[in-house]
Amino acid sequence: MDTSPIIISMKTAIVAIVFTFILGLFAARWILYRKSEAAKIFWDGIFTMPLVLPPTVAGFFLLVFFGSYGPVGKLFEDYLGIRIAFSWGATILAAVVMSFPLMYRSARGALEQIDDDLIFAARTLGMSEWCIFFKVMIPNALPGIISGGVLAFARGLGEFGATAMIAGNIPGRTRTLPLAVYSEVAAGNMDAAYQYVLVIVVICFAIVAVMNIYLIMEKKKQEA
């Protein structure tokens, strides 16, 4: 079995979750501080869109913007000499975009559950809004935030449609585990496909198990 799809997938998921975690967390905070309900509805729709769009459609939009002839992709190629489409960076881009809504919505839901009295009390003590965010909101919402991060990591690891559109299926370069499964099935190599599927199942089960163990431990701490 070629191990390059496993390595590429793990590298992609690890790098992607760093961006997804930070972007999703701060997007959730930014939404909570919007006073206009219309603005909240609009931006929430934009942030959640990749979750409801077919992955190939999301990948199409990524290709339009980040492809060699897209506004962003052309800018990177002309001025920085960096080609985004059909590169390993494109697999990260696809994973970030498709996993972002899970992180964002989990973080937002966790932050919204915080008792307003804690925030008001922190303000009366003269704490800045950013200080409140880091020292009051995040610690109290940590289980939900961590759960969102774990789910986002698993989503990035299993990304297929958008990755195929923007990154392609290049062996040893952009072929991730889901793409490897597709390629082996298309070629009739079912034994190799079973092996890749087994790897994905084991990794995803381990991820969910770790998340559940963490939540159980946090619940016991709160009850103690």
Protein backbone atom coordinates (compact mmCIF):
# COMPACT_ATOMS: atom_id res chain seq x y z
CA MET A 1 0.00 0.00 0.00
CA ASP A 2 1.27 3.43 -0.95
CA THR A 3 1.54 5.42 2.27
CA SER A 4 1.82 8.84 0.61
CA PRO A 5 -1.98 9.49 0.77
CA ILE A 6 -1.88 8.83 4.53
CA ILE A 7 1.05 11.21 5.02
CA ILE A 8 -0.48 13.89 2.80
CA SER A 9 -3.86 13.62 4.54
CA MET A 10 -2.39 13.85 8.04
CA LYS A 11 -0.14 16.77 7.13
CA THR A 12 -3.06 18.55 5.47
CA ALA A 13 -5.44 17.95 8.38
CA ILE A 14 -2.89 19.07 11.00
CA VAL A 15 -1.98 22.29 9.20
CA ALA A 16 -5.60 22.99 8.27
CA ILE A 17 -6.91 22.64 11.84
CA VAL A 18 -4.49 25.33 13.03
CA PHE A 19 -6.04 27.83 10.60
CA THR A 20 -9.57 26.52 11.07
CA PHE A 21 -9.40 26.63 14.86
CA ILE A 22 -8.16 30.23 14.97
CA LEU A 23 -10.44 31.52 12.20
CA GLY A 24 -13.52 29.73 13.52
CA LEU A 25 -13.00 30.90 17.09
CA PHE A 26 -12.46 34.53 16.18
CA ALA A 27 -15.30 34.49 13.64
CA ALA A 28 -17.62 33.27 16.41
CA ARG A 29 -16.48 36.08 18.70
CA TRP A 30 -16.84 38.64 15.91
CA ILE A 31 -20.42 37.53 15.19
CA LEU A 32 -21.40 37.73 18.86
CA TYR A 33 -20.28 41.36 19.03
CA ARG A 34 -22.35 42.45 16.00
CA LYS A 35 -25.24 44.67 17.13
CA SER A 36 -27.16 44.48 13.87
CA GLU A 37 -29.28 41.36 13.59
CA ALA A 38 -29.30 41.72 9.80
CA ALA A 39 -25.50 41.71 9.76
CA LYS A 40 -25.45 38.64 12.01
CA ILE A 41 -27.84 36.78 9.70
CA PHE A 42 -25.86 37.73 6.60
CA TRP A 43 -22.41 36.82 7.94
CA ASP A 44 -23.68 33.67 9.64
CA GLY A 45 -25.02 32.59 6.26
CA ILE A 46 -21.66 33.26 4.61
CA PHE A 47 -19.70 31.43 7.31
CA THR A 48 -22.06 28.44 7.27
CA MET A 49 -22.43 28.18 3.50
CA PRO A 50 -19.67 25.57 2.93
CA LEU A 51 -21.51 23.26 5.32
CA VAL A 52 -24.65 23.14 3.17
CA LEU A 53 -23.16 23.54 -0.30
CA PRO A 54 -22.22 20.40 -2.24
CA PRO A 55 -18.42 20.05 -1.82
CA THR A 56 -17.87 20.15 -5.58
CA VAL A 57 -19.69 23.49 -5.77
CA ALA A 58 -17.54 24.88 -2.96
CA GLY A 59 -14.51 23.54 -4.82
CA PHE A 60 -15.70 25.23 -7.99
CA PHE A 61 -15.80 28.60 -6.24
CA LEU A 62 -12.32 27.97 -4.84
CA LEU A 63 -11.06 27.16 -8.32
CA VAL A 64 -12.66 30.32 -9.72
CA PHE A 65 -10.99 32.53 -7.11
CA PHE A 66 -7.72 30.70 -6.50
CA GLY A 67 -7.09 29.15 -9.90
CA SER A 68 -4.36 30.44 -12.23
CA TYR A 69 -6.83 32.80 -13.89
CA GLY A 70 -8.76 33.71 -10.75
CA PRO A 71 -8.26 37.09 -9.05
CA VAL A 72 -6.49 35.70 -5.99
CA GLY A 73 -4.63 32.90 -7.73
CA LYS A 74 -3.35 35.20 -10.49
CA LEU A 75 -2.19 37.72 -7.89
CA PHE A 76 -0.20 35.08 -6.03
CA GLU A 77 1.37 33.78 -9.23
CA ASP A 78 2.24 37.18 -10.72
CA TYR A 79 3.64 38.83 -7.60
CA LEU A 80 4.76 35.99 -5.34
CA GLY A 81 5.43 33.23 -7.82
CA ILE A 82 3.18 30.87 -5.85
CA ARG A 83 0.71 28.63 -7.63
CA ILE A 84 -2.18 27.70 -5.38
CA ALA A 85 -4.32 25.44 -7.58
CA PHE A 86 -3.22 21.81 -7.92
CA SER A 87 -0.62 22.09 -5.18
CA TRP A 88 -0.40 20.70 -1.66
CA GLY A 89 -1.42 24.15 -0.39
CA ALA A 90 -4.70 23.72 -2.27
CA THR A 91 -5.51 20.63 -0.20
CA ILE A 92 -5.07 22.74 2.93
CA LEU A 93 -7.26 25.50 1.47
CA ALA A 94 -10.04 23.04 0.67
CA ALA A 95 -9.82 21.44 4.13
CA VAL A 96 -9.95 24.82 5.88
CA VAL A 97 -12.94 26.06 3.89
CA MET A 98 -14.97 22.87 4.30
CA SER A 99 -14.19 22.33 8.00
CA PHE A 100 -14.50 26.00 9.03
CA PRO A 101 -18.31 25.96 9.53
CA LEU A 102 -18.08 23.11 12.05
CA MET A 103 -15.51 24.98 14.11
CA TYR A 104 -17.34 28.28 13.80
CA ARG A 105 -20.77 26.97 14.77
CA SER A 106 -19.44 24.87 17.66
CA ALA A 107 -17.45 27.81 19.03
CA ARG A 108 -20.37 30.20 18.61
CA GLY A 109 -22.78 27.82 20.34
CA ALA A 110 -20.35 27.34 23.23
CA LEU A 111 -19.71 31.07 23.63
CA GLU A 112 -23.44 31.86 23.56
CA GLN A 113 -24.04 29.48 26.49
CA ILE A 114 -21.82 31.51 28.82
CA ASP A 115 -23.70 33.22 31.66
CA ASP A 116 -23.95 36.94 30.87
CA ASP A 117 -23.45 37.73 34.55
CA LEU A 118 -19.85 36.49 34.31
CA ILE A 119 -19.16 38.89 31.46
CA PHE A 120 -20.86 41.82 33.21
CA ALA A 121 -18.88 41.08 36.37
CA ALA A 122 -15.63 41.06 34.41
CA ARG A 123 -16.51 44.41 32.86
CA THR A 124 -17.20 45.94 36.25
CA LEU A 125 -13.69 44.88 37.26
CA GLY A 126 -12.31 46.95 34.40
CA MET A 127 -11.28 44.06 32.14
CA SER A 128 -11.02 44.84 28.43
CA GLU A 129 -13.19 42.96 25.94
CA TRP A 130 -10.22 40.97 24.66
CA CYS A 131 -9.16 40.16 28.20
CA ILE A 132 -12.69 38.94 28.93
CA PHE A 133 -12.60 36.83 25.78
CA PHE A 134 -9.36 35.08 26.65
CA LYS A 135 -9.71 34.84 30.45
CA VAL A 136 -13.46 34.40 30.92
CA MET A 137 -15.20 33.31 27.72
CA ILE A 138 -12.74 30.78 26.33
CA PRO A 139 -12.17 28.90 29.64
CA ASN A 140 -15.92 28.60 30.22
CA ALA A 141 -16.63 27.53 26.64
CA LEU A 142 -13.58 25.28 26.27
CA PRO A 143 -15.37 21.89 26.03
CA GLY A 144 -17.54 23.10 23.15
CA ILE A 145 -14.61 24.78 21.45
CA ILE A 146 -12.46 21.66 21.71
CA SER A 147 -15.30 19.51 20.39
CA GLY A 148 -15.63 21.82 17.40
CA GLY A 149 -11.90 21.58 16.77
CA VAL A 150 -11.96 17.78 16.87
CA LEU A 151 -14.90 17.58 14.48
CA ALA A 152 -13.28 20.13 12.17
CA PHE A 153 -10.07 18.07 12.14
CA ALA A 154 -12.00 14.94 11.17
CA ARG A 155 -13.88 16.88 8.47
CA GLY A 156 -10.65 18.21 7.02
CA LEU A 157 -9.14 14.72 7.04
CA GLY A 158 -12.09 13.33 5.09
CA GLU A 159 -12.48 16.16 2.60
CA PHE A 160 -12.97 14.92 -0.98
CA GLY A 161 -15.09 17.02 -3.33
CA ALA A 162 -13.55 20.46 -2.90
CA THR A 163 -10.06 18.94 -2.79
CA ALA A 164 -10.61 17.16 -6.10
CA MET A 165 -11.71 20.43 -7.71
CA ILE A 166 -8.99 22.81 -6.47
CA ALA A 167 -6.09 20.42 -5.80
CA GLY A 168 -6.70 17.59 -8.23
CA ASN A 169 -5.71 13.97 -7.70
CA ILE A 170 -1.95 14.01 -8.21
CA PRO A 171 -0.19 10.92 -6.77
CA GLY A 172 2.38 11.77 -4.13
CA ARG A 173 1.38 15.43 -4.16
CA THR A 174 -2.32 16.11 -3.65
CA ARG A 175 -3.81 12.60 -3.44
CA THR A 176 -5.33 12.40 0.03
CA LEU A 177 -6.92 9.31 1.60
CA PRO A 178 -10.44 9.92 0.23
CA LEU A 179 -9.01 10.53 -3.24
CA ALA A 180 -6.88 7.40 -2.91
CA VAL A 181 -9.99 5.35 -2.11
CA TYR A 182 -11.77 6.79 -5.15
CA SER A 183 -8.76 6.15 -7.41
CA GLU A 184 -8.30 2.55 -6.29
CA VAL A 185 -11.99 1.74 -6.69
CA ALA A 186 -12.02 3.34 -10.14
CA ALA A 187 -8.98 1.24 -11.08
CA GLY A 188 -10.58 -1.92 -9.72
CA ASN A 189 -7.98 -2.35 -6.95
CA MET A 190 -10.43 -3.22 -4.21
CA ASP A 191 -7.83 -4.66 -1.84
CA ALA A 192 -5.95 -1.35 -1.76
CA ALA A 193 -9.24 0.53 -1.41
CA TYR A 194 -10.18 -1.61 1.62
CA GLN A 195 -6.84 -0.83 3.22
CA TYR A 196 -7.28 2.93 2.78
CA VAL A 197 -10.85 2.74 4.05
CA LEU A 198 -9.68 0.84 7.13
CA VAL A 199 -7.08 3.53 7.86
CA ILE A 200 -9.70 6.29 7.57
CA VAL A 201 -12.19 4.45 9.78
CA VAL A 202 -9.58 3.77 12.48
CA ILE A 203 -8.38 7.40 12.50
CA CYS A 204 -11.89 8.87 12.58
CA PHE A 205 -13.02 6.46 15.32
CA ALA A 206 -9.96 7.36 17.38
CA ILE A 207 -10.73 11.06 16.95
CA VAL A 208 -14.33 10.65 18.13
CA ALA A 209 -13.23 8.45 21.03
CA VAL A 210 -10.69 11.03 22.20
CA MET A 211 -13.34 13.75 22.03
CA ASN A 212 -15.80 11.69 24.08
CA ILE A 213 -13.16 10.86 26.69
CA TYR A 214 -12.30 14.54 27.01
CA LEU A 215 -15.97 15.53 27.42
CA ILE A 216 -16.49 12.85 30.08
CA MET A 217 -13.44 14.05 31.99
CA GLU A 218 -14.62 17.67 31.80
CA LYS A 219 -18.07 16.67 33.06
CA LYS A 220 -16.55 14.85 36.03
CA LYS A 221 -14.44 17.91 36.86
CA GLN A 222 -17.54 20.12 36.88
CA GLU A 223 -19.44 17.67 39.10
CA ALA A 224 -16.54 17.34 41.56
